Amino acid sequence: MNELNRFKEKRKMSWQPYVDEHLMCDIGGNRLSAAAIIGQDGTVWAQTPNFPQLKPEELTAIMNDFEQPGSLAPAGLFHGGTKYMVIQGEPGAVIRGKKSGGGITIKKTNLGLIIGIYDEPVTPGQCNMIVERLGDYLIEQGLSATEVAARLRLMLLRILVSHKTH
């Protein structure tokens, strides 16, 4: 495994507990159906094994709706080929969608998207609470893009140094 692949795996591993322990937490005996944390460029940071792959055009439409709230409403929100009716969210911060028997919540953070998908008996409010609280927590941590980039460079440097010494 080359250094870049090790770096990507390390980054993925560091986000996975947020998905496993926070997004997939027990909600009165139930859980979200699938969840992920992805970069705003579509790079998967962490996900459940069954998380539907986000198509590039779907990501573009989602990011456009964060910039121009309401742009998804006429055609609907698509994620992994599934269509959701857009319901009231928070302009520029949260997109919520509903389909028969379930739905989706997408929270935008400084650098990424927190996505939760649910099926009944999980309620829209439960999904919203889980996804949005984690997103708010990550935003409150206040890591700017510069700080994250510096931390990632340091991590990569450590990987490279460790590789050269072995």
N, C-alpha and C. Protein backbone atom coordinates (compact mmCIF):
# COMPACT_ATOMS: atom_id res chain seq x y z
N MET A 1 0.86 -1.17 0.00
CA MET A 1 0.00 0.00 0.00
C MET A 1 0.91 1.24 0.00
N ASN A 2 0.69 2.14 -0.95
CA ASN A 2 1.53 3.33 -1.00
C ASN A 2 1.10 4.36 0.05
N GLU A 3 1.89 5.40 0.20
CA GLU A 3 1.65 6.41 1.24
C GLU A 3 0.30 7.09 1.09
N LEU A 4 -0.08 7.42 -0.15
CA LEU A 4 -1.34 8.11 -0.37
C LEU A 4 -2.51 7.23 0.04
N ASN A 5 -2.47 5.95 -0.31
CA ASN A 5 -3.55 5.05 0.09
C ASN A 5 -3.62 4.89 1.60
N ARG A 6 -2.45 4.82 2.26
CA ARG A 6 -2.44 4.74 3.73
C ARG A 6 -3.07 6.00 4.33
N PHE A 7 -2.72 7.15 3.76
CA PHE A 7 -3.25 8.42 4.23
C PHE A 7 -4.77 8.45 4.08
N LYS A 8 -5.27 8.02 2.93
CA LYS A 8 -6.72 8.01 2.69
C LYS A 8 -7.41 7.06 3.66
N GLU A 9 -6.81 5.90 3.90
CA GLU A 9 -7.40 4.93 4.82
C GLU A 9 -7.42 5.48 6.24
N LYS A 10 -6.34 6.15 6.64
CA LYS A 10 -6.26 6.74 7.99
C LYS A 10 -7.34 7.80 8.15
N ARG A 11 -7.52 8.66 7.10
CA ARG A 11 -8.55 9.70 7.17
C ARG A 11 -9.92 9.05 7.29
N LYS A 12 -10.18 8.01 6.51
CA LYS A 12 -11.46 7.32 6.57
C LYS A 12 -11.68 6.73 7.95
N MET A 13 -10.64 6.10 8.50
CA MET A 13 -10.77 5.48 9.82
C MET A 13 -11.08 6.51 10.89
N SER A 14 -10.54 7.71 10.79
CA SER A 14 -10.76 8.71 11.83
C SER A 14 -12.19 9.24 11.84
N TRP A 15 -12.91 9.17 10.72
CA TRP A 15 -14.30 9.62 10.66
C TRP A 15 -15.29 8.49 10.93
N GLN A 16 -14.87 7.25 10.77
CA GLN A 16 -15.80 6.12 10.87
C GLN A 16 -16.52 6.04 12.22
N PRO A 17 -15.85 6.33 13.36
CA PRO A 17 -16.59 6.28 14.63
C PRO A 17 -17.76 7.26 14.70
N TYR A 18 -17.67 8.39 14.01
CA TYR A 18 -18.80 9.33 13.99
C TYR A 18 -20.01 8.68 13.32
N VAL A 19 -19.77 7.90 12.29
CA VAL A 19 -20.87 7.20 11.62
C VAL A 19 -21.36 6.06 12.50
N ASP A 20 -20.43 5.21 12.93
CA ASP A 20 -20.81 4.00 13.67
C ASP A 20 -21.44 4.29 15.03
N GLU A 21 -20.89 5.25 15.76
CA GLU A 21 -21.33 5.50 17.13
C GLU A 21 -22.36 6.61 17.27
N HIS A 22 -22.35 7.56 16.36
CA HIS A 22 -23.27 8.69 16.49
C HIS A 22 -24.44 8.60 15.52
N LEU A 23 -24.15 8.49 14.23
CA LEU A 23 -25.24 8.45 13.26
C LEU A 23 -26.03 7.15 13.33
N MET A 24 -25.38 6.06 13.66
CA MET A 24 -26.08 4.76 13.71
C MET A 24 -26.44 4.37 15.15
N CYS A 25 -26.62 5.36 16.00
CA CYS A 25 -26.96 5.09 17.40
C CYS A 25 -28.37 4.50 17.51
N ASP A 26 -28.64 3.89 18.64
CA ASP A 26 -29.95 3.31 18.93
C ASP A 26 -30.95 4.43 19.19
N ILE A 27 -32.10 4.35 18.51
CA ILE A 27 -33.18 5.33 18.70
C ILE A 27 -34.42 4.53 19.10
N GLY A 28 -34.57 4.31 20.38
CA GLY A 28 -35.73 3.55 20.85
C GLY A 28 -35.83 2.17 20.21
N GLY A 29 -34.69 1.51 20.04
CA GLY A 29 -34.69 0.18 19.45
C GLY A 29 -34.54 0.17 17.94
N ASN A 30 -34.43 1.33 17.33
CA ASN A 30 -34.28 1.43 15.88
C ASN A 30 -33.02 2.21 15.54
N ARG A 31 -32.66 2.19 14.28
CA ARG A 31 -31.48 2.91 13.78
C ARG A 31 -31.79 3.50 12.41
N LEU A 32 -30.95 4.46 12.00
CA LEU A 32 -31.03 4.93 10.63
C LEU A 32 -30.75 3.75 9.71
N SER A 33 -31.22 3.81 8.48
CA SER A 33 -30.99 2.73 7.52
C SER A 33 -29.57 2.78 6.96
N ALA A 34 -29.07 4.00 6.74
CA ALA A 34 -27.72 4.18 6.18
C ALA A 34 -27.27 5.59 6.54
N ALA A 35 -25.96 5.80 6.56
CA ALA A 35 -25.42 7.11 6.91
C ALA A 35 -24.01 7.25 6.36
N ALA A 36 -23.60 8.51 6.18
CA ALA A 36 -22.25 8.77 5.70
C ALA A 36 -21.82 10.18 6.05
N ILE A 37 -20.52 10.38 6.03
CA ILE A 37 -19.92 11.70 6.09
C ILE A 37 -19.06 11.78 4.84
N ILE A 38 -19.36 12.76 4.00
CA ILE A 38 -18.62 12.92 2.76
C ILE A 38 -18.11 14.35 2.65
N GLY A 39 -17.05 14.52 1.87
CA GLY A 39 -16.56 15.85 1.59
C GLY A 39 -17.50 16.54 0.62
N GLN A 40 -17.43 17.86 0.58
CA GLN A 40 -18.28 18.60 -0.34
C GLN A 40 -17.93 18.33 -1.79
N ASP A 41 -16.80 17.66 -2.01
CA ASP A 41 -16.41 17.25 -3.37
C ASP A 41 -16.90 15.84 -3.70
N GLY A 42 -17.60 15.20 -2.75
CA GLY A 42 -18.12 13.86 -2.96
C GLY A 42 -17.24 12.75 -2.45
N THR A 43 -16.05 13.07 -1.96
CA THR A 43 -15.15 12.07 -1.41
C THR A 43 -15.77 11.47 -0.15
N VAL A 44 -15.85 10.16 -0.09
CA VAL A 44 -16.43 9.50 1.08
C VAL A 44 -15.39 9.47 2.19
N TRP A 45 -15.75 10.04 3.34
CA TRP A 45 -14.87 10.02 4.52
C TRP A 45 -15.19 8.83 5.40
N ALA A 46 -16.46 8.50 5.51
CA ALA A 46 -16.91 7.34 6.30
C ALA A 46 -18.35 7.05 5.91
N GLN A 47 -18.73 5.77 5.98
CA GLN A 47 -20.09 5.41 5.60
C GLN A 47 -20.45 4.05 6.16
N THR A 48 -21.74 3.77 6.17
CA THR A 48 -22.19 2.42 6.49
C THR A 48 -22.02 1.58 5.22
N PRO A 49 -21.90 0.27 5.37
CA PRO A 49 -21.68 -0.59 4.19
C PRO A 49 -22.78 -0.48 3.13
N ASN A 50 -24.00 -0.19 3.55
CA ASN A 50 -25.14 -0.15 2.62
C ASN A 50 -25.47 1.26 2.13
N PHE A 51 -24.59 2.22 2.36
CA PHE A 51 -24.88 3.59 1.95
C PHE A 51 -24.90 3.68 0.43
N PRO A 52 -26.01 4.20 -0.15
CA PRO A 52 -26.09 4.28 -1.61
C PRO A 52 -25.09 5.30 -2.18
N GLN A 53 -24.42 4.90 -3.24
CA GLN A 53 -23.42 5.78 -3.85
C GLN A 53 -24.09 7.02 -4.44
N LEU A 54 -23.56 8.16 -4.08
CA LEU A 54 -24.05 9.44 -4.56
C LEU A 54 -23.47 9.70 -5.94
N LYS A 55 -24.34 9.91 -6.91
CA LYS A 55 -23.89 10.18 -8.28
C LYS A 55 -23.40 11.62 -8.38
N PRO A 56 -22.42 11.89 -9.25
CA PRO A 56 -21.88 13.25 -9.37
C PRO A 56 -22.95 14.32 -9.64
N GLU A 57 -23.91 14.01 -10.50
CA GLU A 57 -24.96 14.99 -10.80
C GLU A 57 -25.88 15.21 -9.59
N GLU A 58 -26.03 14.18 -8.75
CA GLU A 58 -26.84 14.34 -7.54
C GLU A 58 -26.12 15.25 -6.55
N LEU A 59 -24.81 15.05 -6.40
CA LEU A 59 -24.02 15.90 -5.51
C LEU A 59 -24.06 17.36 -5.99
N THR A 60 -23.91 17.56 -7.29
CA THR A 60 -23.95 18.91 -7.85
C THR A 60 -25.28 19.58 -7.52
N ALA A 61 -26.38 18.87 -7.69
CA ALA A 61 -27.71 19.43 -7.39
C ALA A 61 -27.84 19.75 -5.90
N ILE A 62 -27.33 18.89 -5.04
CA ILE A 62 -27.39 19.13 -3.59
C ILE A 62 -26.58 20.37 -3.23
N MET A 63 -25.36 20.45 -3.73
CA MET A 63 -24.51 21.62 -3.42
C MET A 63 -25.13 22.90 -3.98
N ASN A 64 -25.76 22.81 -5.14
CA ASN A 64 -26.44 23.98 -5.71
C ASN A 64 -27.59 24.44 -4.80
N ASP A 65 -28.30 23.46 -4.21
CA ASP A 65 -29.41 23.83 -3.32
C ASP A 65 -28.90 24.52 -2.06
N PHE A 66 -27.72 24.15 -1.59
CA PHE A 66 -27.16 24.86 -0.43
C PHE A 66 -26.84 26.30 -0.81
N GLU A 67 -26.40 26.52 -2.04
CA GLU A 67 -26.06 27.87 -2.50
C GLU A 67 -27.30 28.65 -2.93
N GLN A 68 -28.27 27.95 -3.52
CA GLN A 68 -29.51 28.56 -3.99
C GLN A 68 -30.68 27.77 -3.43
N PRO A 69 -31.01 28.01 -2.15
CA PRO A 69 -32.07 27.22 -1.51
C PRO A 69 -33.36 27.22 -2.32
N GLY A 70 -33.94 26.02 -2.42
CA GLY A 70 -35.18 25.85 -3.16
C GLY A 70 -34.98 25.32 -4.57
N SER A 71 -33.74 25.26 -5.03
CA SER A 71 -33.50 24.80 -6.41
C SER A 71 -33.84 23.32 -6.61
N LEU A 72 -33.81 22.53 -5.54
CA LEU A 72 -34.15 21.11 -5.66
C LEU A 72 -35.66 20.84 -5.66
N ALA A 73 -36.42 21.73 -5.09
CA ALA A 73 -37.85 21.47 -4.87
C ALA A 73 -38.62 21.08 -6.14
N PRO A 74 -38.46 21.78 -7.26
CA PRO A 74 -39.29 21.42 -8.42
C PRO A 74 -39.07 20.00 -8.94
N ALA A 75 -37.83 19.55 -9.02
CA ALA A 75 -37.55 18.22 -9.57
C ALA A 75 -37.41 17.14 -8.51
N GLY A 76 -37.17 17.55 -7.26
CA GLY A 76 -36.96 16.60 -6.19
C GLY A 76 -35.48 16.38 -5.91
N LEU A 77 -35.21 15.79 -4.78
CA LEU A 77 -33.86 15.45 -4.35
C LEU A 77 -33.60 14.01 -4.75
N PHE A 78 -32.50 13.77 -5.46
CA PHE A 78 -32.11 12.42 -5.83
C PHE A 78 -30.83 12.06 -5.09
N HIS A 79 -30.82 10.85 -4.53
CA HIS A 79 -29.63 10.33 -3.86
C HIS A 79 -29.54 8.85 -4.16
N GLY A 80 -28.46 8.45 -4.80
CA GLY A 80 -28.30 7.04 -5.15
C GLY A 80 -29.40 6.53 -6.06
N GLY A 81 -29.97 7.43 -6.86
CA GLY A 81 -31.03 7.05 -7.78
C GLY A 81 -32.43 7.08 -7.17
N THR A 82 -32.53 7.27 -5.85
CA THR A 82 -33.83 7.34 -5.18
C THR A 82 -34.29 8.78 -5.14
N LYS A 83 -35.55 9.00 -5.48
CA LYS A 83 -36.12 10.35 -5.48
C LYS A 83 -36.83 10.63 -4.16
N TYR A 84 -36.53 11.80 -3.61
CA TYR A 84 -37.17 12.28 -2.39
C TYR A 84 -37.87 13.60 -2.68
N MET A 85 -39.05 13.80 -2.10
CA MET A 85 -39.71 15.08 -2.17
C MET A 85 -39.04 16.00 -1.14
N VAL A 86 -38.62 17.17 -1.56
CA VAL A 86 -37.94 18.09 -0.67
C VAL A 86 -38.97 18.70 0.28
N ILE A 87 -38.67 18.63 1.57
CA ILE A 87 -39.54 19.25 2.57
C ILE A 87 -38.74 20.35 3.27
N GLN A 88 -39.40 21.12 4.09
CA GLN A 88 -38.75 22.27 4.71
C GLN A 88 -37.47 21.89 5.42
N GLY A 89 -36.40 22.61 5.10
CA GLY A 89 -35.11 22.44 5.75
C GLY A 89 -34.67 23.77 6.32
N GLU A 90 -33.38 23.97 6.38
CA GLU A 90 -32.82 25.25 6.80
C GLU A 90 -31.98 25.75 5.64
N PRO A 91 -32.42 26.83 4.98
CA PRO A 91 -31.72 27.30 3.78
C PRO A 91 -30.21 27.45 3.99
N GLY A 92 -29.46 26.81 3.10
CA GLY A 92 -28.00 26.89 3.16
C GLY A 92 -27.35 25.98 4.18
N ALA A 93 -28.15 25.28 5.00
CA ALA A 93 -27.58 24.47 6.08
C ALA A 93 -28.08 23.02 6.11
N VAL A 94 -29.39 22.82 5.88
CA VAL A 94 -29.99 21.49 5.98
C VAL A 94 -30.97 21.28 4.83
N ILE A 95 -30.88 20.11 4.21
CA ILE A 95 -31.85 19.69 3.20
C ILE A 95 -32.52 18.44 3.74
N ARG A 96 -33.85 18.42 3.68
CA ARG A 96 -34.61 17.25 4.14
C ARG A 96 -35.47 16.74 2.99
N GLY A 97 -35.56 15.42 2.89
CA GLY A 97 -36.37 14.82 1.85
C GLY A 97 -37.22 13.70 2.41
N LYS A 98 -38.35 13.45 1.76
CA LYS A 98 -39.30 12.42 2.21
C LYS A 98 -39.67 11.55 1.02
N LYS A 99 -39.81 10.27 1.27
CA LYS A 99 -40.36 9.33 0.29
C LYS A 99 -41.29 8.40 1.05
N SER A 100 -42.02 7.59 0.35
CA SER A 100 -42.94 6.68 1.00
C SER A 100 -42.19 5.77 1.97
N GLY A 101 -42.52 5.87 3.24
CA GLY A 101 -41.93 5.00 4.26
C GLY A 101 -40.56 5.40 4.74
N GLY A 102 -40.08 6.60 4.42
CA GLY A 102 -38.75 6.99 4.88
C GLY A 102 -38.34 8.36 4.39
N GLY A 103 -37.04 8.64 4.48
CA GLY A 103 -36.56 9.94 4.06
C GLY A 103 -35.06 10.10 4.25
N ILE A 104 -34.61 11.35 4.13
CA ILE A 104 -33.18 11.67 4.17
C ILE A 104 -33.00 13.05 4.79
N THR A 105 -31.90 13.22 5.52
CA THR A 105 -31.50 14.52 6.06
C THR A 105 -30.04 14.72 5.68
N ILE A 106 -29.73 15.90 5.14
CA ILE A 106 -28.36 16.25 4.76
C ILE A 106 -27.99 17.56 5.45
N LYS A 107 -26.95 17.52 6.27
CA LYS A 107 -26.48 18.70 6.99
C LYS A 107 -25.13 19.12 6.42
N LYS A 108 -25.02 20.37 6.04
CA LYS A 108 -23.76 20.89 5.51
C LYS A 108 -22.91 21.40 6.67
N THR A 109 -21.63 21.01 6.69
CA THR A 109 -20.67 21.51 7.66
C THR A 109 -19.65 22.37 6.91
N ASN A 110 -18.62 22.79 7.61
CA ASN A 110 -17.61 23.64 6.98
C ASN A 110 -16.99 22.98 5.75
N LEU A 111 -16.72 21.68 5.83
CA LEU A 111 -16.02 21.00 4.75
C LEU A 111 -16.75 19.79 4.19
N GLY A 112 -17.81 19.36 4.84
CA GLY A 112 -18.44 18.12 4.43
C GLY A 112 -19.94 18.14 4.52
N LEU A 113 -20.50 16.97 4.28
CA LEU A 113 -21.94 16.74 4.38
C LEU A 113 -22.16 15.54 5.29
N ILE A 114 -23.09 15.68 6.22
CA ILE A 114 -23.51 14.57 7.09
C ILE A 114 -24.85 14.11 6.51
N ILE A 115 -24.94 12.84 6.17
CA ILE A 115 -26.15 12.33 5.51
C ILE A 115 -26.71 11.16 6.30
N GLY A 116 -27.99 11.24 6.61
CA GLY A 116 -28.69 10.15 7.26
C GLY A 116 -29.90 9.75 6.43
N ILE A 117 -30.09 8.46 6.23
CA ILE A 117 -31.24 7.93 5.50
C ILE A 117 -32.01 7.04 6.47
N TYR A 118 -33.33 7.18 6.48
CA TYR A 118 -34.13 6.41 7.42
C TYR A 118 -35.32 5.76 6.74
N ASP A 119 -35.78 4.70 7.36
CA ASP A 119 -37.02 4.03 7.00
C ASP A 119 -37.86 3.95 8.26
N GLU A 120 -39.17 3.91 8.10
CA GLU A 120 -40.05 3.76 9.25
C GLU A 120 -39.71 2.45 9.96
N PRO A 121 -39.76 2.40 11.26
CA PRO A 121 -40.45 3.29 12.19
C PRO A 121 -39.64 4.51 12.65
N VAL A 122 -38.39 4.69 12.19
CA VAL A 122 -37.67 5.92 12.52
C VAL A 122 -38.46 7.08 11.93
N THR A 123 -38.58 8.15 12.68
CA THR A 123 -39.35 9.31 12.23
C THR A 123 -38.43 10.37 11.62
N PRO A 124 -39.02 11.27 10.81
CA PRO A 124 -38.20 12.35 10.26
C PRO A 124 -37.51 13.16 11.36
N GLY A 125 -38.23 13.44 12.44
CA GLY A 125 -37.66 14.21 13.54
C GLY A 125 -36.46 13.53 14.19
N GLN A 126 -36.53 12.20 14.33
CA GLN A 126 -35.41 11.47 14.91
C GLN A 126 -34.18 11.54 14.00
N CYS A 127 -34.37 11.36 12.71
CA CYS A 127 -33.26 11.44 11.76
C CYS A 127 -32.68 12.85 11.77
N ASN A 128 -33.55 13.85 11.73
CA ASN A 128 -33.09 15.24 11.74
C ASN A 128 -32.23 15.52 12.97
N MET A 129 -32.71 15.08 14.13
CA MET A 129 -32.00 15.33 15.37
C MET A 129 -30.60 14.71 15.35
N ILE A 130 -30.49 13.47 14.92
CA ILE A 130 -29.21 12.77 14.92
C ILE A 130 -28.23 13.43 13.95
N VAL A 131 -28.67 13.66 12.72
CA VAL A 131 -27.80 14.22 11.69
C VAL A 131 -27.41 15.66 12.03
N GLU A 132 -28.39 16.46 12.40
CA GLU A 132 -28.13 17.88 12.63
C GLU A 132 -27.31 18.12 13.89
N ARG A 133 -27.51 17.33 14.92
CA ARG A 133 -26.69 17.49 16.13
C ARG A 133 -25.23 17.18 15.86
N LEU A 134 -24.97 16.11 15.11
CA LEU A 134 -23.59 15.80 14.78
C LEU A 134 -23.00 16.91 13.90
N GLY A 135 -23.75 17.37 12.93
CA GLY A 135 -23.28 18.46 12.09
C GLY A 135 -22.99 19.71 12.88
N ASP A 136 -23.89 20.07 13.79
CA ASP A 136 -23.67 21.25 14.64
C ASP A 136 -22.43 21.09 15.51
N TYR A 137 -22.24 19.88 16.05
CA TYR A 137 -21.06 19.61 16.87
C TYR A 137 -19.79 19.82 16.06
N LEU A 138 -19.75 19.27 14.86
CA LEU A 138 -18.56 19.40 14.03
C LEU A 138 -18.31 20.86 13.64
N ILE A 139 -19.36 21.60 13.38
CA ILE A 139 -19.22 23.03 13.05
C ILE A 139 -18.69 23.78 14.27
N GLU A 140 -19.22 23.45 15.45
CA GLU A 140 -18.79 24.13 16.68
C GLU A 140 -17.33 23.87 17.01
N GLN A 141 -16.77 22.77 16.50
CA GLN A 141 -15.37 22.49 16.76
C GLN A 141 -14.48 23.55 16.12
N GLY A 142 -15.06 24.29 15.16
CA GLY A 142 -14.40 25.46 14.61
C GLY A 142 -13.17 25.20 13.77
N LEU A 143 -13.03 24.01 13.23
CA LEU A 143 -11.87 23.75 12.39
C LEU A 143 -12.08 24.40 11.03
N SER A 144 -11.24 25.35 10.73
CA SER A 144 -11.30 25.98 9.42
C SER A 144 -10.65 25.07 8.40
N ALA A 145 -10.84 25.37 7.15
CA ALA A 145 -10.22 24.59 6.07
C ALA A 145 -8.70 24.62 6.22
N THR A 146 -8.15 25.75 6.64
CA THR A 146 -6.70 25.87 6.82
C THR A 146 -6.21 24.94 7.92
N GLU A 147 -6.95 24.90 9.05
CA GLU A 147 -6.55 24.03 10.16
C GLU A 147 -6.64 22.56 9.78
N VAL A 148 -7.70 22.20 9.08
CA VAL A 148 -7.85 20.80 8.65
C VAL A 148 -6.73 20.44 7.69
N ALA A 149 -6.44 21.32 6.73
CA ALA A 149 -5.36 21.06 5.77
C ALA A 149 -4.02 20.89 6.50
N ALA A 150 -3.77 21.73 7.49
CA ALA A 150 -2.52 21.63 8.25
C ALA A 150 -2.45 20.30 8.99
N ARG A 151 -3.56 19.88 9.60
CA ARG A 151 -3.58 18.60 10.31
C ARG A 151 -3.38 17.43 9.35
N LEU A 152 -4.00 17.52 8.17
CA LEU A 152 -3.84 16.46 7.18
C LEU A 152 -2.40 16.39 6.67
N ARG A 153 -1.77 17.56 6.46
CA ARG A 153 -0.37 17.57 6.03
C ARG A 153 0.52 16.94 7.09
N LEU A 154 0.27 17.27 8.35
CA LEU A 154 1.05 16.70 9.45
C LEU A 154 0.88 15.19 9.50
N MET A 155 -0.36 14.72 9.33
CA MET A 155 -0.62 13.29 9.34
C MET A 155 0.12 12.61 8.18
N LEU A 156 0.07 13.21 7.00
CA LEU A 156 0.75 12.65 5.85
C LEU A 156 2.26 12.62 6.08
N LEU A 157 2.80 13.68 6.65
CA LEU A 157 4.23 13.74 6.95
C LEU A 157 4.62 12.61 7.91
N ARG A 158 3.81 12.38 8.93
CA ARG A 158 4.09 11.29 9.88
C ARG A 158 4.07 9.93 9.18
N ILE A 159 3.13 9.75 8.26
CA ILE A 159 3.04 8.49 7.52
C ILE A 159 4.29 8.32 6.67
N LEU A 160 4.70 9.38 5.99
CA LEU A 160 5.89 9.30 5.14
C LEU A 160 7.15 9.02 5.95
N VAL A 161 7.30 9.70 7.08
CA VAL A 161 8.46 9.49 7.94
C VAL A 161 8.45 8.06 8.47
N SER A 162 7.31 7.61 8.91
CA SER A 162 7.21 6.25 9.44
C SER A 162 7.53 5.21 8.36
N HIS A 163 7.11 5.48 7.14
CA HIS A 163 7.38 4.56 6.03
C HIS A 163 8.88 4.50 5.72
N LYS A 164 9.54 5.64 5.79
CA LYS A 164 10.98 5.70 5.48
C LYS A 164 11.82 5.03 6.56
N THR A 165 11.34 5.01 7.80
CA THR A 165 12.10 4.41 8.89
C THR A 165 11.87 2.90 8.99
N HIS A 166 10.91 2.38 8.25
CA HIS A 166 10.62 0.94 8.32
C HIS A 166 11.19 0.22 7.16
